[in-house]
Amino acid sequence: MGKLGFELQILADYLVDEIKKAERIFADETTLPTLAPGSGSTKTAYLWAYARDYAHPVIMCSSPAQSASLLR
């Protein structure tokens, strides 16, 4: 991860902590095709969006596996 990624990780961690403090968390899971390196085909990846409510920021994360979750 480059310098910018390192600096942004602090902000991402803060947003996750704020979302976890909520009484209710709204989540959406979406699948999307991604290229499988070296195979010339696609595989399914997963994208999640988490939010506290409509007045706060949303954080999004992605993973190659459905079992991965940011808020566990």
PDB file of N, CA and C in Angstrom:
ATOM      1  N   MET A   1       0.853  -1.160   0.000  1.00  0.00           N
ATOM      2  CA  MET A   1       0.000   0.000   0.000  1.00  0.00           C
ATOM      3  C   MET A   1       0.901   1.225   0.000  1.00  0.00           C
ATOM      4  N   GLY A   2       0.591   2.183  -0.846  1.00  0.00           N
ATOM      5  CA  GLY A   2       1.385   3.394  -0.942  1.00  0.00           C
ATOM      6  C   GLY A   2       1.128   4.358   0.201  1.00  0.00           C
ATOM      7  N   LYS A   3       1.803   5.474   0.165  1.00  0.00           N
ATOM      8  CA  LYS A   3       1.681   6.475   1.234  1.00  0.00           C
ATOM      9  C   LYS A   3       0.249   7.000   1.357  1.00  0.00           C
ATOM     10  N   LEU A   4      -0.401   7.265   0.220  1.00  0.00           N
ATOM     11  CA  LEU A   4      -1.773   7.770   0.265  1.00  0.00           C
ATOM     12  C   LEU A   4      -2.707   6.731   0.887  1.00  0.00           C
ATOM     13  N   GLY A   5      -2.533   5.470   0.498  1.00  0.00           N
ATOM     14  CA  GLY A   5      -3.355   4.405   1.076  1.00  0.00           C
ATOM     15  C   GLY A   5      -3.171   4.312   2.576  1.00  0.00           C
ATOM     16  N   PHE A   6      -1.932   4.471   3.033  1.00  0.00           N
ATOM     17  CA  PHE A   6      -1.654   4.435   4.470  1.00  0.00           C
ATOM     18  C   PHE A   6      -2.380   5.569   5.183  1.00  0.00           C
ATOM     19  N   GLU A   7      -2.322   6.765   4.614  1.00  0.00           N
ATOM     20  CA  GLU A   7      -2.981   7.920   5.225  1.00  0.00           C
ATOM     21  C   GLU A   7      -4.502   7.762   5.217  1.00  0.00           C
ATOM     22  N   LEU A   8      -5.064   7.226   4.146  1.00  0.00           N
ATOM     23  CA  LEU A   8      -6.513   7.051   4.056  1.00  0.00           C
ATOM     24  C   LEU A   8      -7.023   5.938   4.963  1.00  0.00           C
ATOM     25  N   GLN A   9      -6.163   4.991   5.323  1.00  0.00           N
ATOM     26  CA  GLN A   9      -6.579   3.904   6.213  1.00  0.00           C
ATOM     27  C   GLN A   9      -7.040   4.449   7.558  1.00  0.00           C
ATOM     28  N   ILE A  10      -6.416   5.513   8.029  1.00  0.00           N
ATOM     29  CA  ILE A  10      -6.817   6.151   9.292  1.00  0.00           C
ATOM     30  C   ILE A  10      -8.260   6.634   9.192  1.00  0.00           C
ATOM     31  N   LEU A  11      -8.609   7.282   8.093  1.00  0.00           N
ATOM     32  CA  LEU A  11      -9.975   7.754   7.872  1.00  0.00           C
ATOM     33  C   LEU A  11     -10.944   6.580   7.749  1.00  0.00           C
ATOM     34  N   ALA A  12     -10.577   5.552   7.012  1.00  0.00           N
ATOM     35  CA  ALA A  12     -11.439   4.381   6.845  1.00  0.00           C
ATOM     36  C   ALA A  12     -11.706   3.714   8.192  1.00  0.00           C
ATOM     37  N   ASP A  13     -10.678   3.565   9.019  1.00  0.00           N
ATOM     38  CA  ASP A  13     -10.856   2.963  10.348  1.00  0.00           C
ATOM     39  C   ASP A  13     -11.795   3.801  11.209  1.00  0.00           C
ATOM     40  N   TYR A  14     -11.666   5.120  11.131  1.00  0.00           N
ATOM     41  CA  TYR A  14     -12.545   6.016  11.885  1.00  0.00           C
ATOM     42  C   TYR A  14     -14.002   5.832  11.449  1.00  0.00           C
ATOM     43  N   LEU A  15     -14.238   5.786  10.141  1.00  0.00           N
ATOM     44  CA  LEU A  15     -15.609   5.626   9.636  1.00  0.00           C
ATOM     45  C   LEU A  15     -16.205   4.287  10.070  1.00  0.00           C
ATOM     46  N   VAL A  16     -15.425   3.223  10.016  1.00  0.00           N
ATOM     47  CA  VAL A  16     -15.917   1.915  10.464  1.00  0.00           C
ATOM     48  C   VAL A  16     -16.279   1.970  11.939  1.00  0.00           C
ATOM     49  N   ASP A  17     -15.433   2.583  12.760  1.00  0.00           N
ATOM     50  CA  ASP A  17     -15.722   2.701  14.195  1.00  0.00           C
ATOM     51  C   ASP A  17     -17.007   3.488  14.432  1.00  0.00           C
ATOM     52  N   GLU A  18     -17.227   4.567  13.685  1.00  0.00           N
ATOM     53  CA  GLU A  18     -18.444   5.355  13.829  1.00  0.00           C
ATOM     54  C   GLU A  18     -19.686   4.552  13.420  1.00  0.00           C
ATOM     55  N   ILE A  19     -19.582   3.802  12.366  1.00  0.00           N
ATOM     56  CA  ILE A  19     -20.716   2.986  11.918  1.00  0.00           C
ATOM     57  C   ILE A  19     -21.035   1.911  12.954  1.00  0.00           C
ATOM     58  N   LYS A  20     -20.012   1.308  13.548  1.00  0.00           N
ATOM     59  CA  LYS A  20     -20.226   0.255  14.555  1.00  0.00           C
ATOM     60  C   LYS A  20     -20.916   0.777  15.817  1.00  0.00           C
ATOM     61  N   LYS A  21     -20.833   2.072  16.081  1.00  0.00           N
ATOM     62  CA  LYS A  21     -21.470   2.658  17.266  1.00  0.00           C
ATOM     63  C   LYS A  21     -22.987   2.797  17.117  1.00  0.00           C
ATOM     64  N   ALA A  22     -23.486   2.637  15.919  1.00  0.00           N
ATOM     65  CA  ALA A  22     -24.904   2.887  15.648  1.00  0.00           C
ATOM     66  C   ALA A  22     -25.806   1.842  16.290  1.00  0.00           C
ATOM     67  N   GLU A  23     -27.009   2.271  16.590  1.00  0.00           N
ATOM     68  CA  GLU A  23     -28.027   1.361  17.094  1.00  0.00           C
ATOM     69  C   GLU A  23     -28.461   0.398  15.991  1.00  0.00           C
ATOM     70  N   ARG A  24     -28.518   0.913  14.758  1.00  0.00           N
ATOM     71  CA  ARG A  24     -28.866   0.109  13.582  1.00  0.00           C
ATOM     72  C   ARG A  24     -27.845   0.361  12.491  1.00  0.00           C
ATOM     73  N   ILE A  25     -27.484  -0.703  11.786  1.00  0.00           N
ATOM     74  CA  ILE A  25     -26.567  -0.581  10.651  1.00  0.00           C
ATOM     75  C   ILE A  25     -27.283  -1.090   9.414  1.00  0.00           C
ATOM     76  N   PHE A  26     -27.234  -0.304   8.361  1.00  0.00           N
ATOM     77  CA  PHE A  26     -27.828  -0.696   7.093  1.00  0.00           C
ATOM     78  C   PHE A  26     -26.719  -1.252   6.209  1.00  0.00           C
ATOM     79  N   ALA A  27     -26.997  -2.381   5.566  1.00  0.00           N
ATOM     80  CA  ALA A  27     -25.977  -3.017   4.736  1.00  0.00           C
ATOM     81  C   ALA A  27     -26.588  -3.469   3.414  1.00  0.00           C
ATOM     82  N   ASP A  28     -25.755  -3.446   2.387  1.00  0.00           N
ATOM     83  CA  ASP A  28     -26.164  -3.941   1.079  1.00  0.00           C
ATOM     84  C   ASP A  28     -25.013  -4.741   0.500  1.00  0.00           C
ATOM     85  N   GLU A  29     -25.323  -5.932   0.004  1.00  0.00           N
ATOM     86  CA  GLU A  29     -24.320  -6.779  -0.636  1.00  0.00           C
ATOM     87  C   GLU A  29     -24.633  -6.871  -2.118  1.00  0.00           C
ATOM     88  N   THR A  30     -23.642  -6.650  -2.935  1.00  0.00           N
ATOM     89  CA  THR A  30     -23.799  -6.713  -4.383  1.00  0.00           C
ATOM     90  C   THR A  30     -22.701  -7.590  -4.956  1.00  0.00           C
ATOM     91  N   THR A  31     -23.045  -8.409  -5.926  1.00  0.00           N
ATOM     92  CA  THR A  31     -22.026  -9.205  -6.607  1.00  0.00           C
ATOM     93  C   THR A  31     -21.590  -8.487  -7.870  1.00  0.00           C
ATOM     94  N   LEU A  32     -20.347  -8.718  -8.264  1.00  0.00           N
ATOM     95  CA  LEU A  32     -19.862  -8.148  -9.501  1.00  0.00           C
ATOM     96  C   LEU A  32     -18.811  -9.072 -10.109  1.00  0.00           C
ATOM     97  N   PRO A  33     -18.798  -9.156 -11.436  1.00  0.00           N
ATOM     98  CA  PRO A  33     -17.796 -10.001 -12.072  1.00  0.00           C
ATOM     99  C   PRO A  33     -16.433  -9.313 -12.069  1.00  0.00           C
ATOM    100  N   THR A  34     -15.392 -10.075 -11.776  1.00  0.00           N
ATOM    101  CA  THR A  34     -14.031  -9.559 -11.842  1.00  0.00           C
ATOM    102  C   THR A  34     -13.171 -10.529 -12.624  1.00  0.00           C
ATOM    103  N   LEU A  35     -12.154 -10.025 -13.254  1.00  0.00           N
ATOM    104  CA  LEU A  35     -11.262 -10.886 -14.016  1.00  0.00           C
ATOM    105  C   LEU A  35     -10.427 -11.754 -13.086  1.00  0.00           C
ATOM    106  N   ALA A  36     -10.345 -13.038 -13.400  1.00  0.00           N
ATOM    107  CA  ALA A  36      -9.497 -13.955 -12.651  1.00  0.00           C
ATOM    108  C   ALA A  36      -8.124 -13.933 -13.314  1.00  0.00           C
ATOM    109  N   PRO A  37      -7.098 -13.430 -12.639  1.00  0.00           N
ATOM    110  CA  PRO A  37      -5.777 -13.286 -13.258  1.00  0.00           C
ATOM    111  C   PRO A  37      -5.259 -14.603 -13.852  1.00  0.00           C
ATOM    112  N   GLY A  38      -4.810 -14.520 -15.089  1.00  0.00           N
ATOM    113  CA  GLY A  38      -4.209 -15.663 -15.743  1.00  0.00           C
ATOM    114  C   GLY A  38      -5.160 -16.665 -16.356  1.00  0.00           C
ATOM    115  N   SER A  39      -6.444 -16.578 -16.036  1.00  0.00           N
ATOM    116  CA  SER A  39      -7.380 -17.581 -16.548  1.00  0.00           C
ATOM    117  C   SER A  39      -8.167 -17.091 -17.761  1.00  0.00           C
ATOM    118  N   GLY A  40      -8.210 -15.788 -17.952  1.00  0.00           N
ATOM    119  CA  GLY A  40      -8.973 -15.243 -19.065  1.00  0.00           C
ATOM    120  C   GLY A  40     -10.476 -15.299 -18.855  1.00  0.00           C
ATOM    121  N   SER A  41     -10.903 -15.632 -17.652  1.00  0.00           N
ATOM    122  CA  SER A  41     -12.338 -15.692 -17.356  1.00  0.00           C
ATOM    123  C   SER A  41     -12.652 -14.780 -16.166  1.00  0.00           C
ATOM    124  N   THR A  42     -13.919 -14.718 -15.819  1.00  0.00           N
ATOM    125  CA  THR A  42     -14.325 -13.900 -14.679  1.00  0.00           C
ATOM    126  C   THR A  42     -14.773 -14.794 -13.528  1.00  0.00           C
ATOM    127  N   LYS A  43     -14.735 -14.223 -12.348  1.00  0.00           N
ATOM    128  CA  LYS A  43     -15.280 -14.888 -11.166  1.00  0.00           C
ATOM    129  C   LYS A  43     -16.103 -13.856 -10.412  1.00  0.00           C
ATOM    130  N   THR A  44     -16.883 -14.293  -9.466  1.00  0.00           N
ATOM    131  CA  THR A  44     -17.755 -13.399  -8.708  1.00  0.00           C
ATOM    132  C   THR A  44     -17.011 -12.816  -7.513  1.00  0.00           C
ATOM    133  N   ALA A  45     -17.059 -11.506  -7.383  1.00  0.00           N
ATOM    134  CA  ALA A  45     -16.534 -10.814  -6.210  1.00  0.00           C
ATOM    135  C   ALA A  45     -17.726 -10.150  -5.512  1.00  0.00           C
ATOM    136  N   TYR A  46     -17.516  -9.672  -4.316  1.00  0.00           N
ATOM    137  CA  TYR A  46     -18.598  -9.112  -3.516  1.00  0.00           C
ATOM    138  C   TYR A  46     -18.242  -7.705  -3.061  1.00  0.00           C
ATOM    139  N   LEU A  47     -19.244  -6.841  -3.068  1.00  0.00           N
ATOM    140  CA  LEU A  47     -19.092  -5.456  -2.637  1.00  0.00           C
ATOM    141  C   LEU A  47     -20.164  -5.180  -1.593  1.00  0.00           C
ATOM    142  N   TRP A  48     -19.751  -4.646  -0.450  1.00  0.00           N
ATOM    143  CA  TRP A  48     -20.691  -4.305   0.617  1.00  0.00           C
ATOM    144  C   TRP A  48     -20.675  -2.806   0.857  1.00  0.00           C
ATOM    145  N   ALA A  49     -21.835  -2.269   1.163  1.00  0.00           N
ATOM    146  CA  ALA A  49     -21.964  -0.882   1.586  1.00  0.00           C
ATOM    147  C   ALA A  49     -22.598  -0.893   2.975  1.00  0.00           C
ATOM    148  N   TYR A  50     -22.024  -0.156   3.900  1.00  0.00           N
ATOM    149  CA  TYR A  50     -22.533  -0.065   5.269  1.00  0.00           C
ATOM    150  C   TYR A  50     -22.811   1.391   5.603  1.00  0.00           C
ATOM    151  N   ALA A  51     -23.914   1.640   6.321  1.00  0.00           N
ATOM    152  CA  ALA A  51     -24.248   3.001   6.731  1.00  0.00           C
ATOM    153  C   ALA A  51     -25.003   2.970   8.045  1.00  0.00           C
ATOM    154  N   ARG A  52     -24.887   4.053   8.800  1.00  0.00           N
ATOM    155  CA  ARG A  52     -25.649   4.200  10.039  1.00  0.00           C
ATOM    156  C   ARG A  52     -27.052   4.680   9.741  1.00  0.00           C
ATOM    157  N   ASP A  53     -27.131   5.766   9.027  1.00  0.00           N
ATOM    158  CA  ASP A  53     -28.409   6.328   8.614  1.00  0.00           C
ATOM    159  C   ASP A  53     -28.133   7.255   7.438  1.00  0.00           C
ATOM    160  N   TYR A  54     -29.128   7.960   6.990  1.00  0.00           N
ATOM    161  CA  TYR A  54     -28.960   8.762   5.783  1.00  0.00           C
ATOM    162  C   TYR A  54     -28.156  10.033   6.000  1.00  0.00           C
ATOM    163  N   ALA A  55     -27.880  10.404   7.238  1.00  0.00           N
ATOM    164  CA  ALA A  55     -27.158  11.640   7.496  1.00  0.00           C
ATOM    165  C   ALA A  55     -25.658  11.422   7.691  1.00  0.00           C
ATOM    166  N   HIS A  56     -25.214  10.183   7.580  1.00  0.00           N
ATOM    167  CA  HIS A  56     -23.815   9.880   7.820  1.00  0.00           C
ATOM    168  C   HIS A  56     -23.190   9.230   6.584  1.00  0.00           C
ATOM    169  N   PRO A  57     -21.863   9.242   6.529  1.00  0.00           N
ATOM    170  CA  PRO A  57     -21.182   8.653   5.376  1.00  0.00           C
ATOM    171  C   PRO A  57     -21.409   7.139   5.291  1.00  0.00           C
ATOM    172  N   VAL A  58     -21.181   6.629   4.123  1.00  0.00           N
ATOM    173  CA  VAL A  58     -21.260   5.196   3.855  1.00  0.00           C
ATOM    174  C   VAL A  58     -19.849   4.706   3.609  1.00  0.00           C
ATOM    175  N   ILE A  59     -19.533   3.523   4.108  1.00  0.00           N
ATOM    176  CA  ILE A  59     -18.238   2.919   3.806  1.00  0.00           C
ATOM    177  C   ILE A  59     -18.486   1.692   2.959  1.00  0.00           C
ATOM    178  N   MET A  60     -17.640   1.487   1.970  1.00  0.00           N
ATOM    179  CA  MET A  60     -17.783   0.349   1.069  1.00  0.00           C
ATOM    180  C   MET A  60     -16.529  -0.499   1.147  1.00  0.00           C
ATOM    181  N   CYS A  61     -16.693  -1.803   1.066  1.00  0.00           N
ATOM    182  CA  CYS A  61     -15.544  -2.696   1.040  1.00  0.00           C
ATOM    183  C   CYS A  61     -15.808  -3.802   0.029  1.00  0.00           C
ATOM    184  N   SER A  62     -14.757  -4.412  -0.432  1.00  0.00           N
ATOM    185  CA  SER A  62     -14.914  -5.483  -1.409  1.00  0.00           C
ATOM    186  C   SER A  62     -14.084  -6.677  -0.982  1.00  0.00           C
ATOM    187  N   SER A  63     -14.461  -7.853  -1.506  1.00  0.00           N
ATOM    188  CA  SER A  63     -13.769  -9.082  -1.170  1.00  0.00           C
ATOM    189  C   SER A  63     -14.009 -10.116  -2.255  1.00  0.00           C
ATOM    190  N   PRO A  64     -13.030 -10.995  -2.481  1.00  0.00           N
ATOM    191  CA  PRO A  64     -13.244 -12.062  -3.450  1.00  0.00           C
ATOM    192  C   PRO A  64     -14.127 -13.178  -2.880  1.00  0.00           C
ATOM    193  N   ALA A  65     -14.393 -13.179  -1.586  1.00  0.00           N
ATOM    194  CA  ALA A  65     -15.188 -14.233  -0.961  1.00  0.00           C
ATOM    195  C   ALA A  65     -16.401 -13.648  -0.259  1.00  0.00           C
ATOM    196  N   GLN A  66     -17.514 -14.337  -0.340  1.00  0.00           N
ATOM    197  CA  GLN A  66     -18.741 -13.843   0.274  1.00  0.00           C
ATOM    198  C   GLN A  66     -18.653 -13.846   1.797  1.00  0.00           C
ATOM    199  N   SER A  67     -17.863 -14.711   2.387  1.00  0.00           N
ATOM    200  CA  SER A  67     -17.819 -14.837   3.827  1.00  0.00           C
ATOM    201  C   SER A  67     -17.098 -13.668   4.519  1.00  0.00           C
ATOM    202  N   ALA A  68     -16.349 -12.894   3.776  1.00  0.00           N
ATOM    203  CA  ALA A  68     -15.626 -11.770   4.371  1.00  0.00           C
ATOM    204  C   ALA A  68     -16.599 -10.652   4.718  1.00  0.00           C
ATOM    205  N   SER A  69     -16.426 -10.079   5.884  1.00  0.00           N
ATOM    206  CA  SER A  69     -17.262  -8.953   6.291  1.00  0.00           C
ATOM    207  C   SER A  69     -16.452  -7.982   7.120  1.00  0.00           C
ATOM    208  N   LEU A  70     -16.598  -6.728   6.833  1.00  0.00           N
ATOM    209  CA  LEU A  70     -15.854  -5.690   7.523  1.00  0.00           C
ATOM    210  C   LEU A  70     -16.308  -5.506   8.967  1.00  0.00           C
ATOM    211  N   LEU A  71     -17.580  -5.697   9.242  1.00  0.00           N
ATOM    212  CA  LEU A  71     -18.131  -5.357  10.543  1.00  0.00           C
ATOM    213  C   LEU A  71     -18.240  -6.527  11.513  1.00  0.00           C
ATOM    214  N   ARG A  72     -17.649  -7.647  11.202  1.00  0.00           N
ATOM    215  CA  ARG A  72     -17.714  -8.792  12.130  1.00  0.00           C
ATOM    216  C   ARG A  72     -16.803  -8.611  13.291  1.00  0.00           C
TER     217      ARG A  72
END
